[in-house]
């Protein structure tokens, strides 16, 4: 249930934000990938959601239920492409 607050002529709902990331290990050749002005890739953003607390909680719960399947898939993709990468 989402709380709703009436203040004067307005109706407001408290908003929250959640962000979930997966830290990534360094690349096998220890070279940073040239991404958007030379920044290396250090994490994979899995979720960013902002909204009423109940909506954010549902999104985080759904991600949590999916992580058991998602993380091994990401790991496999990372290891399948672990050859030297010197930017692009």
N, C-alpha and C. Protein backbone atom coordinates (compact mmCIF):
# COMPACT_ATOMS: atom_id res chain seq x y z
N UNK A 1 0.85 -1.17 0.00
CA UNK A 1 0.00 0.00 0.00
C UNK A 1 0.89 1.24 0.00
N UNK A 2 0.56 2.20 -0.84
CA UNK A 2 1.33 3.42 -0.96
C UNK A 2 0.67 4.53 -0.16
N UNK A 3 1.48 5.23 0.62
CA UNK A 3 0.97 6.36 1.40
C UNK A 3 0.75 7.55 0.49
N UNK A 4 -0.35 8.24 0.69
CA UNK A 4 -0.65 9.46 -0.06
C UNK A 4 -0.89 10.56 0.95
N UNK A 5 -0.27 11.71 0.72
CA UNK A 5 -0.36 12.84 1.64
C UNK A 5 -0.97 14.02 0.89
N UNK A 6 -1.96 14.64 1.49
CA UNK A 6 -2.56 15.84 0.90
C UNK A 6 -1.97 17.04 1.63
N UNK A 7 -1.37 17.95 0.88
CA UNK A 7 -0.84 19.19 1.43
C UNK A 7 -1.43 20.33 0.60
N UNK A 8 -2.28 21.10 1.21
CA UNK A 8 -2.96 22.17 0.48
C UNK A 8 -3.79 21.58 -0.64
N UNK A 9 -3.58 22.08 -1.84
CA UNK A 9 -4.32 21.59 -3.01
C UNK A 9 -3.62 20.41 -3.69
N UNK A 10 -2.46 20.02 -3.19
CA UNK A 10 -1.71 18.95 -3.84
C UNK A 10 -1.83 17.62 -3.13
N UNK A 11 -1.62 16.56 -3.88
CA UNK A 11 -1.58 15.20 -3.35
C UNK A 11 -0.20 14.65 -3.68
N UNK A 12 0.49 14.15 -2.66
CA UNK A 12 1.87 13.72 -2.81
C UNK A 12 2.04 12.28 -2.35
N UNK A 13 2.93 11.60 -3.02
CA UNK A 13 3.30 10.23 -2.65
C UNK A 13 4.79 10.21 -2.39
N UNK A 14 5.21 9.69 -1.24
CA UNK A 14 6.66 9.59 -1.01
C UNK A 14 7.31 8.72 -2.09
N UNK A 15 8.46 9.16 -2.57
CA UNK A 15 9.17 8.43 -3.61
C UNK A 15 10.49 7.92 -3.06
N UNK A 16 10.90 6.75 -3.52
CA UNK A 16 12.19 6.18 -3.15
C UNK A 16 12.90 5.76 -4.43
N UNK A 17 14.20 5.53 -4.31
CA UNK A 17 14.98 5.10 -5.46
C UNK A 17 15.88 3.95 -5.05
N UNK A 18 16.02 2.99 -5.92
CA UNK A 18 16.92 1.86 -5.66
C UNK A 18 17.78 1.65 -6.90
N UNK A 19 19.02 1.28 -6.66
CA UNK A 19 19.96 0.99 -7.74
C UNK A 19 20.69 -0.31 -7.38
N UNK A 20 20.76 -1.21 -8.32
CA UNK A 20 21.47 -2.48 -8.12
C UNK A 20 22.53 -2.61 -9.20
N UNK A 21 23.75 -2.94 -8.78
CA UNK A 21 24.86 -3.12 -9.72
C UNK A 21 25.58 -4.43 -9.43
N UNK A 22 26.21 -4.96 -10.46
CA UNK A 22 27.04 -6.15 -10.33
C UNK A 22 28.48 -5.72 -10.58
N UNK A 23 29.35 -5.73 -9.54
CA UNK A 23 30.75 -5.39 -9.76
C UNK A 23 31.38 -6.40 -10.72
N UNK A 24 32.21 -5.91 -11.63
CA UNK A 24 32.89 -6.78 -12.58
C UNK A 24 34.36 -6.86 -12.24
N UNK A 25 34.96 -8.04 -12.40
CA UNK A 25 36.40 -8.17 -12.15
C UNK A 25 37.18 -7.44 -13.24
N UNK A 26 38.45 -7.15 -12.98
CA UNK A 26 39.27 -6.51 -14.02
C UNK A 26 39.37 -7.42 -15.24
N UNK A 27 39.56 -6.80 -16.39
CA UNK A 27 39.72 -7.59 -17.62
C UNK A 27 40.98 -8.43 -17.53
N UNK A 28 41.01 -9.57 -18.22
CA UNK A 28 42.16 -10.49 -18.13
C UNK A 28 43.50 -9.83 -18.47
N UNK A 29 43.53 -8.90 -19.42
CA UNK A 29 44.81 -8.29 -19.77
C UNK A 29 45.07 -7.00 -18.99
N UNK A 30 44.23 -6.70 -18.01
CA UNK A 30 44.39 -5.56 -17.10
C UNK A 30 44.39 -4.23 -17.82
N UNK A 31 43.84 -4.17 -19.01
CA UNK A 31 43.70 -2.92 -19.74
C UNK A 31 42.28 -2.41 -19.59
N UNK A 32 42.15 -1.12 -19.40
CA UNK A 32 40.82 -0.52 -19.31
C UNK A 32 40.18 -0.49 -20.70
N UNK A 33 38.91 -0.75 -20.75
CA UNK A 33 38.17 -0.66 -22.00
C UNK A 33 37.88 0.81 -22.25
N UNK A 34 38.08 1.26 -23.47
CA UNK A 34 37.83 2.66 -23.82
C UNK A 34 36.34 2.86 -24.04
N UNK A 35 35.67 3.32 -23.02
CA UNK A 35 34.23 3.54 -23.09
C UNK A 35 33.97 4.99 -22.71
N UNK A 36 33.32 5.72 -23.58
CA UNK A 36 32.93 7.11 -23.31
C UNK A 36 34.05 7.89 -22.65
N UNK A 37 35.03 8.24 -23.41
CA UNK A 37 36.16 9.07 -22.96
C UNK A 37 37.16 8.28 -22.11
N UNK A 38 37.30 7.01 -22.34
CA UNK A 38 38.35 6.24 -21.70
C UNK A 38 38.02 5.67 -20.34
N UNK A 39 36.79 5.79 -19.88
CA UNK A 39 36.44 5.22 -18.58
C UNK A 39 36.36 3.70 -18.69
N UNK A 40 36.92 3.01 -17.72
CA UNK A 40 36.85 1.56 -17.69
C UNK A 40 35.49 1.09 -17.21
N UNK A 41 35.18 -0.14 -17.51
CA UNK A 41 33.92 -0.73 -17.05
C UNK A 41 34.20 -1.44 -15.74
N UNK A 42 33.56 -1.00 -14.67
CA UNK A 42 33.80 -1.56 -13.34
C UNK A 42 32.56 -2.27 -12.78
N UNK A 43 31.42 -1.96 -13.34
CA UNK A 43 30.19 -2.58 -12.83
C UNK A 43 29.15 -2.59 -13.93
N UNK A 44 28.21 -3.49 -13.78
CA UNK A 44 27.09 -3.60 -14.69
C UNK A 44 25.84 -3.18 -13.94
N UNK A 45 25.17 -2.18 -14.45
CA UNK A 45 23.95 -1.72 -13.78
C UNK A 45 22.82 -2.69 -14.10
N UNK A 46 22.23 -3.25 -13.08
CA UNK A 46 21.16 -4.23 -13.24
C UNK A 46 19.79 -3.59 -13.14
N UNK A 47 19.69 -2.56 -12.31
CA UNK A 47 18.37 -1.97 -12.07
C UNK A 47 18.53 -0.58 -11.48
N UNK A 48 17.75 0.35 -11.98
CA UNK A 48 17.56 1.64 -11.33
C UNK A 48 16.07 1.93 -11.44
N UNK A 49 15.45 2.13 -10.31
CA UNK A 49 14.01 2.37 -10.31
C UNK A 49 13.68 3.43 -9.27
N UNK A 50 12.78 4.33 -9.62
CA UNK A 50 12.33 5.37 -8.71
C UNK A 50 10.81 5.40 -8.76
N UNK A 51 10.19 5.46 -7.60
CA UNK A 51 8.74 5.50 -7.55
C UNK A 51 8.26 5.33 -6.13
N UNK A 52 6.97 5.09 -5.98
CA UNK A 52 6.43 4.80 -4.65
C UNK A 52 7.12 3.57 -4.06
N UNK A 53 7.24 3.54 -2.75
CA UNK A 53 7.96 2.46 -2.08
C UNK A 53 7.49 1.07 -2.50
N UNK A 54 6.19 0.88 -2.65
CA UNK A 54 5.68 -0.44 -3.01
C UNK A 54 6.12 -0.86 -4.41
N UNK A 55 6.21 0.09 -5.33
CA UNK A 55 6.65 -0.21 -6.69
C UNK A 55 8.13 -0.58 -6.70
N UNK A 56 8.94 0.20 -5.98
CA UNK A 56 10.37 -0.07 -5.91
C UNK A 56 10.62 -1.42 -5.24
N UNK A 57 9.91 -1.70 -4.17
CA UNK A 57 10.07 -2.98 -3.48
C UNK A 57 9.73 -4.15 -4.40
N UNK A 58 8.68 -4.01 -5.19
CA UNK A 58 8.31 -5.07 -6.13
C UNK A 58 9.38 -5.28 -7.19
N UNK A 59 9.95 -4.19 -7.69
CA UNK A 59 11.01 -4.30 -8.70
C UNK A 59 12.25 -4.97 -8.13
N UNK A 60 12.62 -4.61 -6.91
CA UNK A 60 13.80 -5.21 -6.27
C UNK A 60 13.54 -6.69 -5.99
N UNK A 61 12.34 -7.03 -5.54
CA UNK A 61 11.99 -8.44 -5.32
C UNK A 61 12.07 -9.24 -6.61
N UNK A 62 11.57 -8.66 -7.70
CA UNK A 62 11.61 -9.35 -8.99
C UNK A 62 13.05 -9.57 -9.45
N UNK A 63 13.89 -8.56 -9.26
CA UNK A 63 15.30 -8.72 -9.62
C UNK A 63 15.95 -9.80 -8.77
N UNK A 64 15.68 -9.79 -7.47
CA UNK A 64 16.23 -10.80 -6.57
C UNK A 64 15.86 -12.21 -6.99
N UNK A 65 14.63 -12.39 -7.42
CA UNK A 65 14.19 -13.71 -7.85
C UNK A 65 14.88 -14.13 -9.15
N UNK A 66 15.28 -13.16 -9.96
CA UNK A 66 15.87 -13.44 -11.26
C UNK A 66 17.40 -13.56 -11.20
N UNK A 67 18.03 -13.08 -10.14
CA UNK A 67 19.49 -13.06 -10.06
C UNK A 67 20.14 -14.43 -10.14
N UNK A 68 19.51 -15.45 -9.57
CA UNK A 68 20.08 -16.80 -9.62
C UNK A 68 20.29 -17.26 -11.07
N UNK A 69 19.44 -16.80 -11.96
CA UNK A 69 19.57 -17.15 -13.37
C UNK A 69 20.45 -16.13 -14.11
N UNK A 70 20.34 -14.88 -13.73
CA UNK A 70 21.02 -13.80 -14.45
C UNK A 70 22.54 -13.78 -14.23
N UNK A 71 22.99 -13.93 -12.99
CA UNK A 71 24.42 -13.81 -12.69
C UNK A 71 25.26 -14.88 -13.40
N UNK A 72 24.89 -16.15 -13.39
CA UNK A 72 25.69 -17.13 -14.14
C UNK A 72 25.73 -16.84 -15.64
N UNK A 73 24.64 -16.32 -16.20
CA UNK A 73 24.61 -15.98 -17.61
C UNK A 73 25.58 -14.84 -17.91
N UNK A 74 25.60 -13.83 -17.07
CA UNK A 74 26.53 -12.72 -17.23
C UNK A 74 27.97 -13.22 -17.10
N UNK A 75 28.21 -14.07 -16.11
CA UNK A 75 29.54 -14.64 -15.93
C UNK A 75 30.00 -15.42 -17.14
N UNK A 76 29.11 -16.20 -17.73
CA UNK A 76 29.46 -16.98 -18.92
C UNK A 76 29.80 -16.05 -20.07
N UNK A 77 29.03 -15.01 -20.28
CA UNK A 77 29.32 -14.05 -21.34
C UNK A 77 30.67 -13.39 -21.12
N UNK A 78 30.95 -13.05 -19.88
CA UNK A 78 32.23 -12.39 -19.56
C UNK A 78 33.39 -13.32 -19.86
N UNK A 79 33.29 -14.59 -19.47
CA UNK A 79 34.37 -15.54 -19.69
C UNK A 79 34.49 -15.95 -21.16
N UNK A 80 33.37 -15.96 -21.89
CA UNK A 80 33.42 -16.29 -23.32
C UNK A 80 34.18 -15.24 -24.11
N UNK A 81 34.25 -14.02 -23.60
CA UNK A 81 34.89 -12.91 -24.31
C UNK A 81 36.08 -12.37 -23.53
N UNK A 82 36.81 -13.24 -22.86
CA UNK A 82 37.88 -12.74 -21.99
C UNK A 82 39.22 -12.58 -22.71
N UNK A 83 39.22 -12.63 -24.01
CA UNK A 83 40.45 -12.36 -24.75
C UNK A 83 40.89 -10.92 -24.54
N UNK A 84 42.11 -10.58 -24.93
CA UNK A 84 42.61 -9.22 -24.74
C UNK A 84 41.70 -8.18 -25.38
N UNK A 85 41.41 -7.14 -24.64
CA UNK A 85 40.58 -6.04 -25.13
C UNK A 85 41.32 -4.74 -24.84
N UNK A 86 41.64 -4.04 -25.88
CA UNK A 86 42.41 -2.81 -25.72
C UNK A 86 41.61 -1.59 -26.13
N UNK A 87 40.35 -1.61 -25.83
CA UNK A 87 39.51 -0.46 -26.18
C UNK A 87 39.01 -0.56 -27.60
N UNK A 88 38.24 0.43 -27.98
CA UNK A 88 37.69 0.35 -29.31
C UNK A 88 37.20 1.59 -29.76
